[in-house]
Amino acid sequence: MYPLASFAAGLVFGLGLIVSGMADPSKVLGFLDLAGKWDPSLAFVMIGAIGVSVVAFRLAGKRAAPVLGGPFHLPTATQFDRRLVLGSLVFGVGWGLAGFCPAPAIVVYGAGYFKAVVFVAAMVAGMGIYEIAERLRG
């Protein structure tokens, strides 16, 4: 049951990215272009996502366990640290340069869009570098 629910959630999320325009790099770059011809439409997508998340986290907080079993994996960090700030900066620069963040890039990768293929390859390489750095650090 869990794999089927995971697949359904991923499918709904991917479709939402396509319908909202989040998978279109030109729309994302238009949203990020505050000094030029700014497109505020993705702000509504983000506000909607925040609203859904607030409700979901509140409901999850009232349950003893997830509906499909297993433990909850809720955020526990309460403070900003150097790693969070640097990671956010790297994420923002990558998003601004490519017009993709990870989930939309994977959606568009599935369509064979070359820019997404390059982005996903760079993302996977970055994940690998992170894993190596963490092993060396620990």
N, C-alpha and C. Protein backbone atom coordinates (compact mmCIF):
# COMPACT_ATOMS: atom_id res chain seq x y z
N MET A 1 0.81 -1.20 0.00
CA MET A 1 0.00 0.00 0.00
C MET A 1 0.86 1.27 0.00
N TYR A 2 1.94 1.25 0.78
CA TYR A 2 2.80 2.43 0.88
C TYR A 2 3.39 2.83 -0.47
N PRO A 3 3.94 1.91 -1.27
CA PRO A 3 4.47 2.31 -2.59
C PRO A 3 3.40 2.91 -3.49
N LEU A 4 2.19 2.36 -3.45
CA LEU A 4 1.11 2.90 -4.28
C LEU A 4 0.73 4.31 -3.83
N ALA A 5 0.65 4.54 -2.54
CA ALA A 5 0.34 5.88 -2.02
C ALA A 5 1.46 6.86 -2.36
N SER A 6 2.71 6.41 -2.29
CA SER A 6 3.85 7.26 -2.64
C SER A 6 3.79 7.63 -4.12
N PHE A 7 3.49 6.66 -4.97
CA PHE A 7 3.37 6.92 -6.40
C PHE A 7 2.25 7.92 -6.67
N ALA A 8 1.10 7.73 -6.03
CA ALA A 8 -0.04 8.63 -6.24
C ALA A 8 0.29 10.05 -5.78
N ALA A 9 0.95 10.18 -4.64
CA ALA A 9 1.33 11.50 -4.14
C ALA A 9 2.32 12.17 -5.10
N GLY A 10 3.29 11.42 -5.59
CA GLY A 10 4.26 11.96 -6.54
C GLY A 10 3.60 12.36 -7.85
N LEU A 11 2.65 11.57 -8.31
CA LEU A 11 1.94 11.88 -9.55
C LEU A 11 1.13 13.17 -9.40
N VAL A 12 0.40 13.30 -8.30
CA VAL A 12 -0.38 14.52 -8.06
C VAL A 12 0.55 15.73 -7.94
N PHE A 13 1.67 15.56 -7.24
CA PHE A 13 2.63 16.66 -7.10
C PHE A 13 3.20 17.06 -8.46
N GLY A 14 3.62 16.09 -9.27
CA GLY A 14 4.16 16.38 -10.59
C GLY A 14 3.14 17.07 -11.48
N LEU A 15 1.91 16.60 -11.47
CA LEU A 15 0.86 17.25 -12.25
C LEU A 15 0.62 18.68 -11.77
N GLY A 16 0.67 18.87 -10.46
CA GLY A 16 0.52 20.22 -9.91
C GLY A 16 1.62 21.15 -10.37
N LEU A 17 2.84 20.63 -10.46
CA LEU A 17 3.96 21.44 -10.95
C LEU A 17 3.75 21.85 -12.41
N ILE A 18 3.24 20.92 -13.20
CA ILE A 18 2.99 21.23 -14.61
C ILE A 18 1.86 22.24 -14.75
N VAL A 19 0.74 21.99 -14.09
CA VAL A 19 -0.43 22.87 -14.19
C VAL A 19 -0.12 24.28 -13.68
N SER A 20 0.66 24.38 -12.59
CA SER A 20 0.97 25.68 -12.00
C SER A 20 2.01 26.47 -12.78
N GLY A 21 2.72 25.83 -13.69
CA GLY A 21 3.77 26.50 -14.44
C GLY A 21 5.14 26.41 -13.80
N MET A 22 5.23 25.73 -12.66
CA MET A 22 6.53 25.62 -11.97
C MET A 22 7.55 24.81 -12.77
N ALA A 23 7.09 24.03 -13.73
CA ALA A 23 8.01 23.23 -14.55
C ALA A 23 8.49 24.00 -15.77
N ASP A 24 8.04 25.24 -15.95
CA ASP A 24 8.43 26.07 -17.09
C ASP A 24 9.50 27.05 -16.63
N PRO A 25 10.76 26.84 -17.05
CA PRO A 25 11.84 27.71 -16.59
C PRO A 25 11.61 29.19 -16.90
N SER A 26 11.00 29.51 -18.04
CA SER A 26 10.79 30.92 -18.37
C SER A 26 9.80 31.57 -17.40
N LYS A 27 8.81 30.82 -16.95
CA LYS A 27 7.85 31.35 -15.97
C LYS A 27 8.54 31.56 -14.62
N VAL A 28 9.38 30.61 -14.24
CA VAL A 28 10.10 30.74 -12.97
C VAL A 28 11.07 31.92 -13.03
N LEU A 29 11.81 32.06 -14.12
CA LEU A 29 12.75 33.18 -14.25
C LEU A 29 12.01 34.51 -14.28
N GLY A 30 10.80 34.54 -14.87
CA GLY A 30 9.97 35.75 -14.84
C GLY A 30 9.57 36.11 -13.42
N PHE A 31 9.32 35.10 -12.60
CA PHE A 31 8.98 35.33 -11.20
C PHE A 31 10.19 35.88 -10.44
N LEU A 32 11.38 35.41 -10.77
CA LEU A 32 12.59 35.83 -10.06
C LEU A 32 13.12 37.18 -10.55
N ASP A 33 12.61 37.69 -11.68
CA ASP A 33 13.09 38.94 -12.27
C ASP A 33 12.35 40.13 -11.63
N LEU A 34 12.72 40.47 -10.42
CA LEU A 34 12.05 41.54 -9.69
C LEU A 34 12.31 42.92 -10.29
N ALA A 35 13.45 43.10 -10.93
CA ALA A 35 13.80 44.40 -11.49
C ALA A 35 13.29 44.57 -12.93
N GLY A 36 12.84 43.51 -13.55
CA GLY A 36 12.38 43.58 -14.93
C GLY A 36 10.89 43.39 -15.05
N LYS A 37 10.49 42.50 -15.94
CA LYS A 37 9.08 42.22 -16.17
C LYS A 37 8.65 41.09 -15.23
N TRP A 38 8.35 41.45 -13.99
CA TRP A 38 8.07 40.48 -12.93
C TRP A 38 6.73 39.80 -13.17
N ASP A 39 6.70 38.47 -13.01
CA ASP A 39 5.48 37.67 -13.13
C ASP A 39 5.15 37.13 -11.73
N PRO A 40 4.16 37.71 -11.04
CA PRO A 40 3.87 37.31 -9.67
C PRO A 40 3.04 36.04 -9.53
N SER A 41 2.66 35.39 -10.63
CA SER A 41 1.73 34.26 -10.55
C SER A 41 2.25 33.10 -9.70
N LEU A 42 3.56 32.87 -9.70
CA LEU A 42 4.08 31.76 -8.90
C LEU A 42 4.02 32.05 -7.40
N ALA A 43 3.89 33.32 -7.03
CA ALA A 43 3.72 33.65 -5.62
C ALA A 43 2.42 33.03 -5.10
N PHE A 44 1.40 33.01 -5.93
CA PHE A 44 0.13 32.40 -5.53
C PHE A 44 0.26 30.89 -5.37
N VAL A 45 1.07 30.28 -6.22
CA VAL A 45 1.35 28.84 -6.08
C VAL A 45 2.04 28.58 -4.75
N MET A 46 3.03 29.41 -4.42
CA MET A 46 3.75 29.24 -3.16
C MET A 46 2.85 29.48 -1.96
N ILE A 47 2.02 30.50 -2.02
CA ILE A 47 1.10 30.79 -0.92
C ILE A 47 0.13 29.61 -0.73
N GLY A 48 -0.36 29.07 -1.83
CA GLY A 48 -1.24 27.89 -1.74
C GLY A 48 -0.53 26.70 -1.12
N ALA A 49 0.73 26.49 -1.51
CA ALA A 49 1.50 25.37 -0.96
C ALA A 49 1.76 25.56 0.53
N ILE A 50 2.04 26.78 0.93
CA ILE A 50 2.25 27.05 2.36
C ILE A 50 0.97 26.79 3.14
N GLY A 51 -0.15 27.21 2.58
CA GLY A 51 -1.44 26.98 3.24
C GLY A 51 -1.73 25.50 3.43
N VAL A 52 -1.51 24.71 2.39
CA VAL A 52 -1.73 23.27 2.49
C VAL A 52 -0.77 22.66 3.51
N SER A 53 0.48 23.11 3.52
CA SER A 53 1.46 22.57 4.46
C SER A 53 1.10 22.89 5.91
N VAL A 54 0.65 24.10 6.16
CA VAL A 54 0.27 24.48 7.52
C VAL A 54 -0.84 23.55 8.03
N VAL A 55 -1.85 23.35 7.21
CA VAL A 55 -2.96 22.47 7.60
C VAL A 55 -2.45 21.04 7.80
N ALA A 56 -1.63 20.54 6.86
CA ALA A 56 -1.14 19.17 6.96
C ALA A 56 -0.28 18.95 8.20
N PHE A 57 0.60 19.90 8.54
CA PHE A 57 1.44 19.76 9.72
C PHE A 57 0.61 19.83 11.00
N ARG A 58 -0.41 20.66 11.01
CA ARG A 58 -1.29 20.73 12.19
C ARG A 58 -2.03 19.41 12.38
N LEU A 59 -2.56 18.86 11.29
CA LEU A 59 -3.27 17.57 11.39
C LEU A 59 -2.32 16.45 11.79
N ALA A 60 -1.11 16.47 11.22
CA ALA A 60 -0.13 15.43 11.55
C ALA A 60 0.25 15.50 13.03
N GLY A 61 0.33 16.71 13.57
CA GLY A 61 0.69 16.89 14.97
C GLY A 61 -0.34 16.31 15.93
N LYS A 62 -1.56 16.11 15.46
CA LYS A 62 -2.62 15.56 16.31
C LYS A 62 -2.70 14.04 16.24
N ARG A 63 -1.93 13.43 15.36
CA ARG A 63 -1.97 11.97 15.19
C ARG A 63 -0.83 11.31 15.96
N ALA A 64 -1.05 10.10 16.38
CA ALA A 64 -0.01 9.33 17.06
C ALA A 64 0.96 8.72 16.05
N ALA A 65 0.46 8.40 14.85
CA ALA A 65 1.30 7.79 13.81
C ALA A 65 0.73 8.15 12.44
N PRO A 66 1.54 8.09 11.40
CA PRO A 66 1.03 8.35 10.05
C PRO A 66 -0.05 7.35 9.65
N VAL A 67 -0.90 7.74 8.74
CA VAL A 67 -2.00 6.90 8.29
C VAL A 67 -1.48 5.58 7.72
N LEU A 68 -0.37 5.62 6.99
CA LEU A 68 0.16 4.42 6.36
C LEU A 68 1.21 3.71 7.21
N GLY A 69 1.34 4.09 8.47
CA GLY A 69 2.27 3.42 9.37
C GLY A 69 3.66 4.02 9.35
N GLY A 70 4.53 3.46 10.17
CA GLY A 70 5.89 3.96 10.27
C GLY A 70 5.95 5.20 11.14
N PRO A 71 7.14 5.73 11.36
CA PRO A 71 7.28 6.93 12.21
C PRO A 71 7.06 8.21 11.40
N PHE A 72 6.72 9.29 12.10
CA PHE A 72 6.69 10.60 11.48
C PHE A 72 8.12 11.07 11.25
N HIS A 73 8.35 11.80 10.18
CA HIS A 73 9.64 12.43 9.92
C HIS A 73 9.40 13.92 9.81
N LEU A 74 9.14 14.56 10.94
CA LEU A 74 8.85 15.98 10.96
C LEU A 74 10.11 16.77 11.28
N PRO A 75 10.21 18.01 10.79
CA PRO A 75 11.39 18.83 11.06
C PRO A 75 11.55 19.08 12.56
N THR A 76 12.79 19.08 13.00
CA THR A 76 13.07 19.33 14.42
C THR A 76 13.95 20.56 14.63
N ALA A 77 14.61 21.03 13.61
CA ALA A 77 15.51 22.18 13.75
C ALA A 77 14.71 23.43 14.05
N THR A 78 15.24 24.27 14.94
CA THR A 78 14.55 25.50 15.31
C THR A 78 15.42 26.73 15.12
N GLN A 79 16.68 26.54 14.72
CA GLN A 79 17.59 27.68 14.57
C GLN A 79 18.27 27.65 13.20
N PHE A 80 18.65 28.84 12.75
CA PHE A 80 19.43 28.96 11.53
C PHE A 80 20.88 28.63 11.86
N ASP A 81 21.54 27.93 10.96
CA ASP A 81 22.98 27.71 11.13
C ASP A 81 23.66 27.97 9.78
N ARG A 82 24.96 27.91 9.80
CA ARG A 82 25.74 28.21 8.60
C ARG A 82 25.39 27.29 7.43
N ARG A 83 25.20 26.01 7.72
CA ARG A 83 24.90 25.05 6.66
C ARG A 83 23.55 25.36 6.00
N LEU A 84 22.56 25.75 6.80
CA LEU A 84 21.25 26.09 6.27
C LEU A 84 21.35 27.32 5.36
N VAL A 85 22.06 28.33 5.81
CA VAL A 85 22.18 29.57 5.03
C VAL A 85 22.95 29.30 3.73
N LEU A 86 24.08 28.59 3.81
CA LEU A 86 24.85 28.29 2.60
C LEU A 86 24.07 27.41 1.63
N GLY A 87 23.38 26.40 2.17
CA GLY A 87 22.57 25.54 1.31
C GLY A 87 21.46 26.31 0.62
N SER A 88 20.85 27.24 1.34
CA SER A 88 19.79 28.08 0.76
C SER A 88 20.35 28.96 -0.34
N LEU A 89 21.54 29.50 -0.13
CA LEU A 89 22.17 30.33 -1.16
C LEU A 89 22.49 29.53 -2.41
N VAL A 90 23.04 28.34 -2.24
CA VAL A 90 23.35 27.49 -3.40
C VAL A 90 22.07 27.12 -4.13
N PHE A 91 21.03 26.76 -3.39
CA PHE A 91 19.74 26.43 -4.00
C PHE A 91 19.21 27.62 -4.80
N GLY A 92 19.23 28.82 -4.20
CA GLY A 92 18.72 30.01 -4.86
C GLY A 92 19.50 30.38 -6.11
N VAL A 93 20.81 30.27 -6.05
CA VAL A 93 21.63 30.57 -7.23
C VAL A 93 21.33 29.57 -8.35
N GLY A 94 21.25 28.30 -8.01
CA GLY A 94 20.92 27.29 -9.02
C GLY A 94 19.55 27.51 -9.62
N TRP A 95 18.58 27.86 -8.79
CA TRP A 95 17.22 28.13 -9.26
C TRP A 95 17.21 29.34 -10.19
N GLY A 96 17.94 30.39 -9.79
CA GLY A 96 17.99 31.61 -10.61
C GLY A 96 18.71 31.43 -11.92
N LEU A 97 19.76 30.62 -11.94
CA LEU A 97 20.52 30.40 -13.17
C LEU A 97 19.78 29.49 -14.15
N ALA A 98 19.19 28.44 -13.63
CA ALA A 98 18.58 27.43 -14.51
C ALA A 98 17.08 27.59 -14.67
N GLY A 99 16.41 28.22 -13.71
CA GLY A 99 14.96 28.30 -13.75
C GLY A 99 14.29 27.03 -13.25
N PHE A 100 15.09 26.15 -12.66
CA PHE A 100 14.57 24.89 -12.12
C PHE A 100 14.91 24.79 -10.64
N CYS A 101 14.04 24.17 -9.89
CA CYS A 101 14.42 23.64 -8.59
C CYS A 101 14.25 22.12 -8.74
N PRO A 102 14.67 21.32 -7.77
CA PRO A 102 14.77 19.88 -8.01
C PRO A 102 13.51 19.18 -8.52
N ALA A 103 12.37 19.37 -7.89
CA ALA A 103 11.17 18.62 -8.33
C ALA A 103 10.74 18.96 -9.75
N PRO A 104 10.61 20.26 -10.10
CA PRO A 104 10.25 20.56 -11.49
C PRO A 104 11.30 20.07 -12.49
N ALA A 105 12.56 20.10 -12.11
CA ALA A 105 13.60 19.61 -13.01
C ALA A 105 13.40 18.13 -13.32
N ILE A 106 13.03 17.36 -12.32
CA ILE A 106 12.80 15.93 -12.53
C ILE A 106 11.57 15.71 -13.41
N VAL A 107 10.53 16.53 -13.20
CA VAL A 107 9.34 16.43 -14.05
C VAL A 107 9.69 16.70 -15.50
N VAL A 108 10.43 17.78 -15.75
CA VAL A 108 10.79 18.15 -17.12
C VAL A 108 11.85 17.20 -17.68
N TYR A 109 12.70 16.66 -16.82
CA TYR A 109 13.68 15.64 -17.23
C TYR A 109 12.95 14.46 -17.88
N GLY A 110 11.80 14.10 -17.29
CA GLY A 110 11.01 13.00 -17.83
C GLY A 110 10.51 13.27 -19.24
N ALA A 111 10.43 14.54 -19.60
CA ALA A 111 10.01 14.91 -20.96
C ALA A 111 11.21 14.99 -21.91
N GLY A 112 12.42 14.80 -21.37
CA GLY A 112 13.61 14.79 -22.21
C GLY A 112 14.17 16.15 -22.56
N TYR A 113 13.77 17.20 -21.85
CA TYR A 113 14.25 18.55 -22.10
C TYR A 113 15.73 18.62 -21.73
N PHE A 114 16.60 18.98 -22.68
CA PHE A 114 18.04 18.90 -22.49
C PHE A 114 18.53 19.70 -21.29
N LYS A 115 18.01 20.92 -21.12
CA LYS A 115 18.44 21.75 -19.99
C LYS A 115 18.14 21.05 -18.66
N ALA A 116 17.02 20.34 -18.59
CA ALA A 116 16.68 19.61 -17.37
C ALA A 116 17.61 18.42 -17.18
N VAL A 117 17.99 17.77 -18.26
CA VAL A 117 18.93 16.63 -18.16
C VAL A 117 20.24 17.11 -17.56
N VAL A 118 20.75 18.25 -18.04
CA VAL A 118 22.00 18.81 -17.51
C VAL A 118 21.82 19.20 -16.04
N PHE A 119 20.70 19.84 -15.72
CA PHE A 119 20.44 20.26 -14.35
C PHE A 119 20.39 19.06 -13.41
N VAL A 120 19.65 18.02 -13.80
CA VAL A 120 19.52 16.83 -12.94
C VAL A 120 20.88 16.15 -12.77
N ALA A 121 21.67 16.09 -13.84
CA ALA A 121 23.02 15.50 -13.74
C ALA A 121 23.87 16.30 -12.74
N ALA A 122 23.81 17.64 -12.82
CA ALA A 122 24.56 18.48 -11.89
C ALA A 122 24.04 18.31 -10.46
N MET A 123 22.73 18.18 -10.32
CA MET A 123 22.13 17.99 -9.00
C MET A 123 22.60 16.66 -8.38
N VAL A 124 22.59 15.61 -9.17
CA VAL A 124 23.04 14.30 -8.68
C VAL A 124 24.53 14.35 -8.32
N ALA A 125 25.32 15.04 -9.14
CA ALA A 125 26.74 15.20 -8.82
C ALA A 125 26.92 15.97 -7.51
N GLY A 126 26.13 17.02 -7.31
CA GLY A 126 26.19 17.78 -6.06
C GLY A 126 25.82 16.94 -4.86
N MET A 127 24.81 16.07 -5.03
CA MET A 127 24.43 15.17 -3.94
C MET A 127 25.57 14.21 -3.61
N GLY A 128 26.23 13.74 -4.65
CA GLY A 128 27.37 12.83 -4.44
C GLY A 128 28.51 13.53 -3.71
N ILE A 129 28.81 14.76 -4.11
CA ILE A 129 29.86 15.53 -3.45
C ILE A 129 29.50 15.76 -1.99
N TYR A 130 28.24 16.07 -1.73
CA TYR A 130 27.78 16.26 -0.35
C TYR A 130 28.00 14.99 0.48
N GLU A 131 27.62 13.85 -0.06
CA GLU A 131 27.77 12.59 0.67
C GLU A 131 29.23 12.30 0.98
N ILE A 132 30.10 12.54 0.01
CA ILE A 132 31.53 12.33 0.22
C ILE A 132 32.05 13.28 1.30
N ALA A 133 31.65 14.56 1.22
CA ALA A 133 32.10 15.55 2.21
C ALA A 133 31.60 15.18 3.61
N GLU A 134 30.38 14.69 3.71
CA GLU A 134 29.84 14.29 5.02
C GLU A 134 30.61 13.10 5.59
N ARG A 135 30.98 12.16 4.76
CA ARG A 135 31.75 11.01 5.24
C ARG A 135 33.13 11.44 5.71
N LEU A 136 33.75 12.35 4.98
CA LEU A 136 35.07 12.84 5.36
C LEU A 136 35.00 13.68 6.64
N ARG A 137 33.91 14.38 6.80
CA ARG A 137 33.71 15.25 7.97
C ARG A 137 33.45 14.46 9.25
N GLY A 138 32.70 13.34 9.09
CA GLY A 138 32.27 12.58 10.27
C GLY A 138 33.21 11.54 10.65
